[in-house]
Amino acid sequence: LESYIHVPTNKKEFERMISFASND
């Protein structure tokens, strides 16, 4: 999170969270 400089603005940025989303 700290590495991101602006809010997600496109699909590629939205999908940055896919790798974390399976961790309940």
mmCIF file of all heavy atoms, coordinates in Angstrom:
data_MODEL
# 
_entry.id   MODEL 
# 
loop_
_atom_site.group_PDB 
_atom_site.id 
_atom_site.type_symbol 
_atom_site.label_atom_id 
_atom_site.label_alt_id 
_atom_site.label_comp_id 
_atom_site.label_asym_id 
_atom_site.label_entity_id 
_atom_site.label_seq_id 
_atom_site.pdbx_PDB_ins_code 
_atom_site.Cartn_x 
_atom_site.Cartn_y 
_atom_site.Cartn_z 
_atom_site.occupancy 
_atom_site.B_iso_or_equiv 
_atom_site.pdbx_formal_charge 
_atom_site.auth_seq_id 
_atom_site.auth_comp_id 
_atom_site.auth_asym_id 
_atom_site.auth_atom_id 
_atom_site.pdbx_PDB_model_num 
ATOM 1   N N   . LEU A 1 1  ? 0.830   -1.210  0.000   1.00 0.00 ? 1  LEU A N   1 
ATOM 2   C CA  . LEU A 1 1  ? 0.000   0.000   0.000   1.00 0.00 ? 1  LEU A CA  1 
ATOM 3   C C   . LEU A 1 1  ? 0.863   1.257   0.000   1.00 0.00 ? 1  LEU A C   1 
ATOM 4   O O   . LEU A 1 1  ? 0.553   2.239   -0.671  1.00 0.00 ? 1  LEU A O   1 
ATOM 5   C CB  . LEU A 1 1  ? -0.922  0.020   1.219   1.00 0.00 ? 1  LEU A CB  1 
ATOM 6   C CG  . LEU A 1 1  ? -2.073  -0.985  1.283   1.00 0.00 ? 1  LEU A CG  1 
ATOM 7   C CD1 . LEU A 1 1  ? -2.884  -0.754  2.554   1.00 0.00 ? 1  LEU A CD1 1 
ATOM 8   C CD2 . LEU A 1 1  ? -2.971  -0.902  0.058   1.00 0.00 ? 1  LEU A CD2 1 
ATOM 9   N N   . GLU A 1 2  ? 1.927   1.206   0.762   1.00 0.00 ? 2  GLU A N   1 
ATOM 10  C CA  . GLU A 1 2  ? 2.806   2.369   0.903   1.00 0.00 ? 2  GLU A CA  1 
ATOM 11  C C   . GLU A 1 2  ? 3.467   2.745   -0.414  1.00 0.00 ? 2  GLU A C   1 
ATOM 12  O O   . GLU A 1 2  ? 3.871   3.898   -0.613  1.00 0.00 ? 2  GLU A O   1 
ATOM 13  C CB  . GLU A 1 2  ? 3.858   2.076   1.970   1.00 0.00 ? 2  GLU A CB  1 
ATOM 14  C CG  . GLU A 1 2  ? 4.548   3.309   2.498   1.00 0.00 ? 2  GLU A CG  1 
ATOM 15  C CD  . GLU A 1 2  ? 5.473   2.993   3.666   1.00 0.00 ? 2  GLU A CD  1 
ATOM 16  O OE1 . GLU A 1 2  ? 5.532   1.811   4.084   1.00 0.00 ? 2  GLU A OE1 1 
ATOM 17  O OE2 . GLU A 1 2  ? 6.128   3.931   4.149   1.00 0.00 ? 2  GLU A OE2 1 
ATOM 18  N N   . SER A 1 3  ? 3.576   1.782   -1.318  1.00 0.00 ? 3  SER A N   1 
ATOM 19  C CA  . SER A 1 3  ? 4.252   2.045   -2.598  1.00 0.00 ? 3  SER A CA  1 
ATOM 20  C C   . SER A 1 3  ? 3.352   2.752   -3.612  1.00 0.00 ? 3  SER A C   1 
ATOM 21  O O   . SER A 1 3  ? 3.838   3.240   -4.629  1.00 0.00 ? 3  SER A O   1 
ATOM 22  C CB  . SER A 1 3  ? 4.751   0.731   -3.204  1.00 0.00 ? 3  SER A CB  1 
ATOM 23  O OG  . SER A 1 3  ? 3.659   -0.073  -3.661  1.00 0.00 ? 3  SER A OG  1 
ATOM 24  N N   . TYR A 1 4  ? 2.050   2.819   -3.340  1.00 0.00 ? 4  TYR A N   1 
ATOM 25  C CA  . TYR A 1 4  ? 1.120   3.423   -4.294  1.00 0.00 ? 4  TYR A CA  1 
ATOM 26  C C   . TYR A 1 4  ? 1.000   4.926   -4.035  1.00 0.00 ? 4  TYR A C   1 
ATOM 27  O O   . TYR A 1 4  ? 0.950   5.360   -2.885  1.00 0.00 ? 4  TYR A O   1 
ATOM 28  C CB  . TYR A 1 4  ? -0.258  2.770   -4.192  1.00 0.00 ? 4  TYR A CB  1 
ATOM 29  C CG  . TYR A 1 4  ? -0.257  1.277   -4.431  1.00 0.00 ? 4  TYR A CG  1 
ATOM 30  C CD1 . TYR A 1 4  ? -1.069  0.420   -3.692  1.00 0.00 ? 4  TYR A CD1 1 
ATOM 31  C CD2 . TYR A 1 4  ? 0.572   0.707   -5.395  1.00 0.00 ? 4  TYR A CD2 1 
ATOM 32  C CE1 . TYR A 1 4  ? -1.056  -0.958  -3.905  1.00 0.00 ? 4  TYR A CE1 1 
ATOM 33  C CE2 . TYR A 1 4  ? 0.592   -0.662  -5.615  1.00 0.00 ? 4  TYR A CE2 1 
ATOM 34  C CZ  . TYR A 1 4  ? -0.224  -1.487  -4.862  1.00 0.00 ? 4  TYR A CZ  1 
ATOM 35  O OH  . TYR A 1 4  ? -0.211  -2.840  -5.074  1.00 0.00 ? 4  TYR A OH  1 
ATOM 36  N N   . ILE A 1 5  ? 0.941   5.684   -5.121  1.00 0.00 ? 5  ILE A N   1 
ATOM 37  C CA  . ILE A 1 5  ? 0.941   7.144   -4.979  1.00 0.00 ? 5  ILE A CA  1 
ATOM 38  C C   . ILE A 1 5  ? -0.404  7.792   -5.295  1.00 0.00 ? 5  ILE A C   1 
ATOM 39  O O   . ILE A 1 5  ? -0.587  8.975   -5.051  1.00 0.00 ? 5  ILE A O   1 
ATOM 40  C CB  . ILE A 1 5  ? 2.044   7.786   -5.856  1.00 0.00 ? 5  ILE A CB  1 
ATOM 41  C CG1 . ILE A 1 5  ? 1.836   7.439   -7.339  1.00 0.00 ? 5  ILE A CG1 1 
ATOM 42  C CG2 . ILE A 1 5  ? 3.419   7.341   -5.377  1.00 0.00 ? 5  ILE A CG2 1 
ATOM 43  C CD1 . ILE A 1 5  ? 2.790   8.160   -8.273  1.00 0.00 ? 5  ILE A CD1 1 
ATOM 44  N N   . HIS A 1 6  ? -1.333  7.027   -5.869  1.00 0.00 ? 6  HIS A N   1 
ATOM 45  C CA  . HIS A 1 6  ? -2.664  7.584   -6.130  1.00 0.00 ? 6  HIS A CA  1 
ATOM 46  C C   . HIS A 1 6  ? -3.705  6.465   -6.056  1.00 0.00 ? 6  HIS A C   1 
ATOM 47  O O   . HIS A 1 6  ? -3.368  5.278   -6.076  1.00 0.00 ? 6  HIS A O   1 
ATOM 48  C CB  . HIS A 1 6  ? -2.734  8.304   -7.485  1.00 0.00 ? 6  HIS A CB  1 
ATOM 49  C CG  . HIS A 1 6  ? -2.411  7.429   -8.662  1.00 0.00 ? 6  HIS A CG  1 
ATOM 50  N ND1 . HIS A 1 6  ? -3.278  6.467   -9.132  1.00 0.00 ? 6  HIS A ND1 1 
ATOM 51  C CD2 . HIS A 1 6  ? -1.316  7.361   -9.465  1.00 0.00 ? 6  HIS A CD2 1 
ATOM 52  C CE1 . HIS A 1 6  ? -2.740  5.845   -10.176 1.00 0.00 ? 6  HIS A CE1 1 
ATOM 53  N NE2 . HIS A 1 6  ? -1.556  6.356   -10.392 1.00 0.00 ? 6  HIS A NE2 1 
ATOM 54  N N   . VAL A 1 7  ? -4.957  6.847   -5.968  1.00 0.00 ? 7  VAL A N   1 
ATOM 55  C CA  . VAL A 1 7  ? -6.036  5.864   -5.861  1.00 0.00 ? 7  VAL A CA  1 
ATOM 56  C C   . VAL A 1 7  ? -6.104  5.038   -7.154  1.00 0.00 ? 7  VAL A C   1 
ATOM 57  O O   . VAL A 1 7  ? -5.663  5.504   -8.214  1.00 0.00 ? 7  VAL A O   1 
ATOM 58  C CB  . VAL A 1 7  ? -7.404  6.547   -5.609  1.00 0.00 ? 7  VAL A CB  1 
ATOM 59  C CG1 . VAL A 1 7  ? -7.399  7.297   -4.288  1.00 0.00 ? 7  VAL A CG1 1 
ATOM 60  C CG2 . VAL A 1 7  ? -7.774  7.483   -6.755  1.00 0.00 ? 7  VAL A CG2 1 
ATOM 61  N N   . PRO A 1 8  ? -6.651  3.819   -7.096  1.00 0.00 ? 8  PRO A N   1 
ATOM 62  C CA  . PRO A 1 8  ? -6.751  3.008   -8.318  1.00 0.00 ? 8  PRO A CA  1 
ATOM 63  C C   . PRO A 1 8  ? -7.638  3.680   -9.358  1.00 0.00 ? 8  PRO A C   1 
ATOM 64  O O   . PRO A 1 8  ? -8.769  4.065   -9.063  1.00 0.00 ? 8  PRO A O   1 
ATOM 65  C CB  . PRO A 1 8  ? -7.363  1.691   -7.823  1.00 0.00 ? 8  PRO A CB  1 
ATOM 66  C CG  . PRO A 1 8  ? -7.954  1.992   -6.486  1.00 0.00 ? 8  PRO A CG  1 
ATOM 67  C CD  . PRO A 1 8  ? -7.152  3.108   -5.915  1.00 0.00 ? 8  PRO A CD  1 
ATOM 68  N N   . THR A 1 9  ? -7.112  3.819   -10.565 1.00 0.00 ? 9  THR A N   1 
ATOM 69  C CA  . THR A 1 9  ? -7.842  4.536   -11.611 1.00 0.00 ? 9  THR A CA  1 
ATOM 70  C C   . THR A 1 9  ? -8.193  3.670   -12.814 1.00 0.00 ? 9  THR A C   1 
ATOM 71  O O   . THR A 1 9  ? -8.912  4.116   -13.701 1.00 0.00 ? 9  THR A O   1 
ATOM 72  C CB  . THR A 1 9  ? -7.015  5.736   -12.115 1.00 0.00 ? 9  THR A CB  1 
ATOM 73  O OG1 . THR A 1 9  ? -5.757  5.251   -12.627 1.00 0.00 ? 9  THR A OG1 1 
ATOM 74  C CG2 . THR A 1 9  ? -6.754  6.727   -10.991 1.00 0.00 ? 9  THR A CG2 1 
ATOM 75  N N   . ASN A 1 10 ? -7.670  2.450   -12.857 1.00 0.00 ? 10 ASN A N   1 
ATOM 76  C CA  . ASN A 1 10 ? -7.952  1.579   -14.003 1.00 0.00 ? 10 ASN A CA  1 
ATOM 77  C C   . ASN A 1 10 ? -7.965  0.114   -13.556 1.00 0.00 ? 10 ASN A C   1 
ATOM 78  O O   . ASN A 1 10 ? -7.676  -0.196  -12.390 1.00 0.00 ? 10 ASN A O   1 
ATOM 79  C CB  . ASN A 1 10 ? -6.926  1.807   -15.123 1.00 0.00 ? 10 ASN A CB  1 
ATOM 80  C CG  . ASN A 1 10 ? -5.491  1.623   -14.643 1.00 0.00 ? 10 ASN A CG  1 
ATOM 81  O OD1 . ASN A 1 10 ? -5.163  0.630   -13.998 1.00 0.00 ? 10 ASN A OD1 1 
ATOM 82  N ND2 . ASN A 1 10 ? -4.629  2.588   -14.960 1.00 0.00 ? 10 ASN A ND2 1 
ATOM 83  N N   . LYS A 1 11 ? -8.314  -0.759  -14.477 1.00 0.00 ? 11 LYS A N   1 
ATOM 84  C CA  . LYS A 1 11 ? -8.462  -2.185  -14.149 1.00 0.00 ? 11 LYS A CA  1 
ATOM 85  C C   . LYS A 1 11 ? -7.144  -2.790  -13.660 1.00 0.00 ? 11 LYS A C   1 
ATOM 86  O O   . LYS A 1 11 ? -7.127  -3.591  -12.714 1.00 0.00 ? 11 LYS A O   1 
ATOM 87  C CB  . LYS A 1 11 ? -8.966  -2.943  -15.382 1.00 0.00 ? 11 LYS A CB  1 
ATOM 88  C CG  . LYS A 1 11 ? -9.275  -4.404  -15.109 1.00 0.00 ? 11 LYS A CG  1 
ATOM 89  C CD  . LYS A 1 11 ? -9.808  -5.087  -16.366 1.00 0.00 ? 11 LYS A CD  1 
ATOM 90  C CE  . LYS A 1 11 ? -10.108 -6.556  -16.091 1.00 0.00 ? 11 LYS A CE  1 
ATOM 91  N NZ  . LYS A 1 11 ? -10.585 -7.254  -17.296 1.00 0.00 ? 11 LYS A NZ  1 
ATOM 92  N N   . LYS A 1 12 ? -6.042  -2.416  -14.285 1.00 0.00 ? 12 LYS A N   1 
ATOM 93  C CA  . LYS A 1 12 ? -4.745  -2.966  -13.903 1.00 0.00 ? 12 LYS A CA  1 
ATOM 94  C C   . LYS A 1 12 ? -4.427  -2.624  -12.452 1.00 0.00 ? 12 LYS A C   1 
ATOM 95  O O   . LYS A 1 12 ? -3.943  -3.477  -11.693 1.00 0.00 ? 12 LYS A O   1 
ATOM 96  C CB  . LYS A 1 12 ? -3.663  -2.410  -14.828 1.00 0.00 ? 12 LYS A CB  1 
ATOM 97  C CG  . LYS A 1 12 ? -2.283  -2.969  -14.561 1.00 0.00 ? 12 LYS A CG  1 
ATOM 98  C CD  . LYS A 1 12 ? -1.263  -2.407  -15.542 1.00 0.00 ? 12 LYS A CD  1 
ATOM 99  C CE  . LYS A 1 12 ? 0.135   -2.945  -15.250 1.00 0.00 ? 12 LYS A CE  1 
ATOM 100 N NZ  . LYS A 1 12 ? 1.143   -2.392  -16.198 1.00 0.00 ? 12 LYS A NZ  1 
ATOM 101 N N   . GLU A 1 13 ? -4.704  -1.389  -12.061 1.00 0.00 ? 13 GLU A N   1 
ATOM 102 C CA  . GLU A 1 13 ? -4.438  -0.976  -10.680 1.00 0.00 ? 13 GLU A CA  1 
ATOM 103 C C   . GLU A 1 13 ? -5.413  -1.654  -9.712  1.00 0.00 ? 13 GLU A C   1 
ATOM 104 O O   . GLU A 1 13 ? -5.025  -2.038  -8.603  1.00 0.00 ? 13 GLU A O   1 
ATOM 105 C CB  . GLU A 1 13 ? -4.506  0.541   -10.581 1.00 0.00 ? 13 GLU A CB  1 
ATOM 106 C CG  . GLU A 1 13 ? -3.346  1.217   -11.301 1.00 0.00 ? 13 GLU A CG  1 
ATOM 107 C CD  . GLU A 1 13 ? -3.511  2.712   -11.476 1.00 0.00 ? 13 GLU A CD  1 
ATOM 108 O OE1 . GLU A 1 13 ? -4.597  3.248   -11.162 1.00 0.00 ? 13 GLU A OE1 1 
ATOM 109 O OE2 . GLU A 1 13 ? -2.557  3.349   -11.941 1.00 0.00 ? 13 GLU A OE2 1 
ATOM 110 N N   . PHE A 1 14 ? -6.666  -1.786  -10.117 1.00 0.00 ? 14 PHE A N   1 
ATOM 111 C CA  . PHE A 1 14 ? -7.652  -2.498  -9.299  1.00 0.00 ? 14 PHE A CA  1 
ATOM 112 C C   . PHE A 1 14 ? -7.193  -3.936  -9.039  1.00 0.00 ? 14 PHE A C   1 
ATOM 113 O O   . PHE A 1 14 ? -7.286  -4.448  -7.910  1.00 0.00 ? 14 PHE A O   1 
ATOM 114 C CB  . PHE A 1 14 ? -8.993  -2.486  -10.030 1.00 0.00 ? 14 PHE A CB  1 
ATOM 115 C CG  . PHE A 1 14 ? -10.059 -3.365  -9.422  1.00 0.00 ? 14 PHE A CG  1 
ATOM 116 C CD1 . PHE A 1 14 ? -10.737 -2.984  -8.280  1.00 0.00 ? 14 PHE A CD1 1 
ATOM 117 C CD2 . PHE A 1 14 ? -10.391 -4.581  -10.015 1.00 0.00 ? 14 PHE A CD2 1 
ATOM 118 C CE1 . PHE A 1 14 ? -11.717 -3.800  -7.717  1.00 0.00 ? 14 PHE A CE1 1 
ATOM 119 C CE2 . PHE A 1 14 ? -11.366 -5.395  -9.467  1.00 0.00 ? 14 PHE A CE2 1 
ATOM 120 C CZ  . PHE A 1 14 ? -12.028 -4.997  -8.315  1.00 0.00 ? 14 PHE A CZ  1 
ATOM 121 N N   . GLU A 1 15 ? -6.663  -4.579  -10.067 1.00 0.00 ? 15 GLU A N   1 
ATOM 122 C CA  . GLU A 1 15 ? -6.265  -5.980  -9.965  1.00 0.00 ? 15 GLU A CA  1 
ATOM 123 C C   . GLU A 1 15 ? -4.970  -6.205  -9.195  1.00 0.00 ? 15 GLU A C   1 
ATOM 124 O O   . GLU A 1 15 ? -4.565  -7.353  -8.970  1.00 0.00 ? 15 GLU A O   1 
ATOM 125 C CB  . GLU A 1 15 ? -6.176  -6.588  -11.366 1.00 0.00 ? 15 GLU A CB  1 
ATOM 126 C CG  . GLU A 1 15 ? -7.544  -6.720  -12.027 1.00 0.00 ? 15 GLU A CG  1 
ATOM 127 C CD  . GLU A 1 15 ? -7.497  -7.287  -13.438 1.00 0.00 ? 15 GLU A CD  1 
ATOM 128 O OE1 . GLU A 1 15 ? -6.369  -7.340  -14.009 1.00 0.00 ? 15 GLU A OE1 1 
ATOM 129 O OE2 . GLU A 1 15 ? -8.552  -7.672  -13.961 1.00 0.00 ? 15 GLU A OE2 1 
ATOM 130 N N   . ARG A 1 16 ? -4.334  -5.126  -8.758  1.00 0.00 ? 16 ARG A N   1 
ATOM 131 C CA  . ARG A 1 16 ? -3.171  -5.277  -7.879  1.00 0.00 ? 16 ARG A CA  1 
ATOM 132 C C   . ARG A 1 16 ? -3.532  -6.008  -6.582  1.00 0.00 ? 16 ARG A C   1 
ATOM 133 O O   . ARG A 1 16 ? -2.676  -6.601  -5.935  1.00 0.00 ? 16 ARG A O   1 
ATOM 134 C CB  . ARG A 1 16 ? -2.596  -3.905  -7.527  1.00 0.00 ? 16 ARG A CB  1 
ATOM 135 C CG  . ARG A 1 16 ? -1.833  -3.235  -8.646  1.00 0.00 ? 16 ARG A CG  1 
ATOM 136 C CD  . ARG A 1 16 ? -1.521  -1.793  -8.299  1.00 0.00 ? 16 ARG A CD  1 
ATOM 137 N NE  . ARG A 1 16 ? -0.621  -1.182  -9.278  1.00 0.00 ? 16 ARG A NE  1 
ATOM 138 C CZ  . ARG A 1 16 ? -0.344  0.117   -9.315  1.00 0.00 ? 16 ARG A CZ  1 
ATOM 139 N NH1 . ARG A 1 16 ? -0.892  0.939   -8.419  1.00 0.00 ? 16 ARG A NH1 1 
ATOM 140 N NH2 . ARG A 1 16 ? 0.487   0.598   -10.218 1.00 0.00 ? 16 ARG A NH2 1 
ATOM 141 N N   . MET A 1 17 ? -4.814  -5.963  -6.218  1.00 0.00 ? 17 MET A N   1 
ATOM 142 C CA  . MET A 1 17 ? -5.254  -6.568  -4.963  1.00 0.00 ? 17 MET A CA  1 
ATOM 143 C C   . MET A 1 17 ? -5.631  -8.045  -5.096  1.00 0.00 ? 17 MET A C   1 
ATOM 144 O O   . MET A 1 17 ? -5.910  -8.703  -4.100  1.00 0.00 ? 17 MET A O   1 
ATOM 145 C CB  . MET A 1 17 ? -6.449  -5.787  -4.406  1.00 0.00 ? 17 MET A CB  1 
ATOM 146 C CG  . MET A 1 17 ? -6.124  -4.358  -3.971  1.00 0.00 ? 17 MET A CG  1 
ATOM 147 S SD  . MET A 1 17 ? -5.023  -4.280  -2.533  1.00 0.00 ? 17 MET A SD  1 
ATOM 148 C CE  . MET A 1 17 ? -3.445  -3.923  -3.311  1.00 0.00 ? 17 MET A CE  1 
ATOM 149 N N   . ILE A 1 18 ? -5.634  -8.583  -6.315  1.00 0.00 ? 18 ILE A N   1 
ATOM 150 C CA  . ILE A 1 18 ? -6.037  -9.982  -6.521  1.00 0.00 ? 18 ILE A CA  1 
ATOM 151 C C   . ILE A 1 18 ? -5.144  -10.939 -5.731  1.00 0.00 ? 18 ILE A C   1 
ATOM 152 O O   . ILE A 1 18 ? -5.622  -11.890 -5.100  1.00 0.00 ? 18 ILE A O   1 
ATOM 153 C CB  . ILE A 1 18 ? -6.032  -10.335 -8.024  1.00 0.00 ? 18 ILE A CB  1 
ATOM 154 C CG1 . ILE A 1 18 ? -7.188  -9.635  -8.743  1.00 0.00 ? 18 ILE A CG1 1 
ATOM 155 C CG2 . ILE A 1 18 ? -6.126  -11.846 -8.220  1.00 0.00 ? 18 ILE A CG2 1 
ATOM 156 C CD1 . ILE A 1 18 ? -7.217  -9.858  -10.246 1.00 0.00 ? 18 ILE A CD1 1 
ATOM 157 N N   . SER A 1 19 ? -3.849  -10.697 -5.748  1.00 0.00 ? 19 SER A N   1 
ATOM 158 C CA  . SER A 1 19 ? -2.920  -11.607 -5.078  1.00 0.00 ? 19 SER A CA  1 
ATOM 159 C C   . SER A 1 19 ? -3.118  -11.648 -3.567  1.00 0.00 ? 19 SER A C   1 
ATOM 160 O O   . SER A 1 19 ? -2.714  -12.605 -2.903  1.00 0.00 ? 19 SER A O   1 
ATOM 161 C CB  . SER A 1 19 ? -1.471  -11.215 -5.399  1.00 0.00 ? 19 SER A CB  1 
ATOM 162 O OG  . SER A 1 19 ? -1.193  -9.911  -4.921  1.00 0.00 ? 19 SER A OG  1 
ATOM 163 N N   . PHE A 1 20 ? -3.742  -10.614 -2.994  1.00 0.00 ? 20 PHE A N   1 
ATOM 164 C CA  . PHE A 1 20 ? -3.986  -10.572 -1.549  1.00 0.00 ? 20 PHE A CA  1 
ATOM 165 C C   . PHE A 1 20 ? -5.394  -11.038 -1.175  1.00 0.00 ? 20 PHE A C   1 
ATOM 166 O O   . PHE A 1 20 ? -5.647  -11.403 -0.034  1.00 0.00 ? 20 PHE A O   1 
ATOM 167 C CB  . PHE A 1 20 ? -3.801  -9.141  -1.024  1.00 0.00 ? 20 PHE A CB  1 
ATOM 168 C CG  . PHE A 1 20 ? -2.403  -8.605  -1.156  1.00 0.00 ? 20 PHE A CG  1 
ATOM 169 C CD1 . PHE A 1 20 ? -2.070  -7.728  -2.178  1.00 0.00 ? 20 PHE A CD1 1 
ATOM 170 C CD2 . PHE A 1 20 ? -1.417  -8.986  -0.260  1.00 0.00 ? 20 PHE A CD2 1 
ATOM 171 C CE1 . PHE A 1 20 ? -0.779  -7.231  -2.296  1.00 0.00 ? 20 PHE A CE1 1 
ATOM 172 C CE2 . PHE A 1 20 ? -0.122  -8.492  -0.366  1.00 0.00 ? 20 PHE A CE2 1 
ATOM 173 C CZ  . PHE A 1 20 ? 0.197   -7.614  -1.393  1.00 0.00 ? 20 PHE A CZ  1 
ATOM 174 N N   . ALA A 1 21 ? -6.316  -11.001 -2.148  1.00 0.00 ? 21 ALA A N   1 
ATOM 175 C CA  . ALA A 1 21 ? -7.737  -11.197 -1.839  1.00 0.00 ? 21 ALA A CA  1 
ATOM 176 C C   . ALA A 1 21 ? -8.078  -12.616 -1.388  1.00 0.00 ? 21 ALA A C   1 
ATOM 177 O O   . ALA A 1 21 ? -9.102  -12.837 -0.740  1.00 0.00 ? 21 ALA A O   1 
ATOM 178 C CB  . ALA A 1 21 ? -8.598  -10.818 -3.048  1.00 0.00 ? 21 ALA A CB  1 
ATOM 179 N N   . SER A 1 22 ? -7.242  -13.582 -1.697  1.00 0.00 ? 22 SER A N   1 
ATOM 180 C CA  . SER A 1 22 ? -7.512  -14.972 -1.295  1.00 0.00 ? 22 SER A CA  1 
ATOM 181 C C   . SER A 1 22 ? -7.042  -15.269 0.130   1.00 0.00 ? 22 SER A C   1 
ATOM 182 O O   . SER A 1 22 ? -7.296  -16.355 0.659   1.00 0.00 ? 22 SER A O   1 
ATOM 183 C CB  . SER A 1 22 ? -6.835  -15.939 -2.269  1.00 0.00 ? 22 SER A CB  1 
ATOM 184 O OG  . SER A 1 22 ? -5.433  -15.721 -2.290  1.00 0.00 ? 22 SER A OG  1 
ATOM 185 N N   . ASN A 1 23 ? -6.376  -14.309 0.744   1.00 0.00 ? 23 ASN A N   1 
ATOM 186 C CA  . ASN A 1 23 ? -5.888  -14.482 2.115   1.00 0.00 ? 23 ASN A CA  1 
ATOM 187 C C   . ASN A 1 23 ? -6.990  -14.039 3.090   1.00 0.00 ? 23 ASN A C   1 
ATOM 188 O O   . ASN A 1 23 ? -7.152  -12.851 3.371   1.00 0.00 ? 23 ASN A O   1 
ATOM 189 C CB  . ASN A 1 23 ? -4.621  -13.651 2.317   1.00 0.00 ? 23 ASN A CB  1 
ATOM 190 C CG  . ASN A 1 23 ? -3.964  -13.889 3.667   1.00 0.00 ? 23 ASN A CG  1 
ATOM 191 O OD1 . ASN A 1 23 ? -4.636  -14.181 4.660   1.00 0.00 ? 23 ASN A OD1 1 
ATOM 192 N ND2 . ASN A 1 23 ? -2.658  -13.750 3.705   1.00 0.00 ? 23 ASN A ND2 1 
ATOM 193 N N   . ASP A 1 24 ? -7.760  -14.994 3.604   1.00 0.00 ? 24 ASP A N   1 
ATOM 194 C CA  . ASP A 1 24 ? -8.916  -14.677 4.452   1.00 0.00 ? 24 ASP A CA  1 
ATOM 195 C C   . ASP A 1 24 ? -8.513  -13.962 5.741   1.00 0.00 ? 24 ASP A C   1 
ATOM 196 O O   . ASP A 1 24 ? -9.241  -13.079 6.213   1.00 0.00 ? 24 ASP A O   1 
ATOM 197 C CB  . ASP A 1 24 ? -9.692  -15.949 4.792   1.00 0.00 ? 24 ASP A CB  1 
ATOM 198 C CG  . ASP A 1 24 ? -10.419 -16.522 3.582   1.00 0.00 ? 24 ASP A CG  1 
ATOM 199 O OD1 . ASP A 1 24 ? -10.387 -15.869 2.521   1.00 0.00 ? 24 ASP A OD1 1 
ATOM 200 O OD2 . ASP A 1 24 ? -11.012 -17.607 3.702   1.00 0.00 ? 24 ASP A OD2 1 
# 
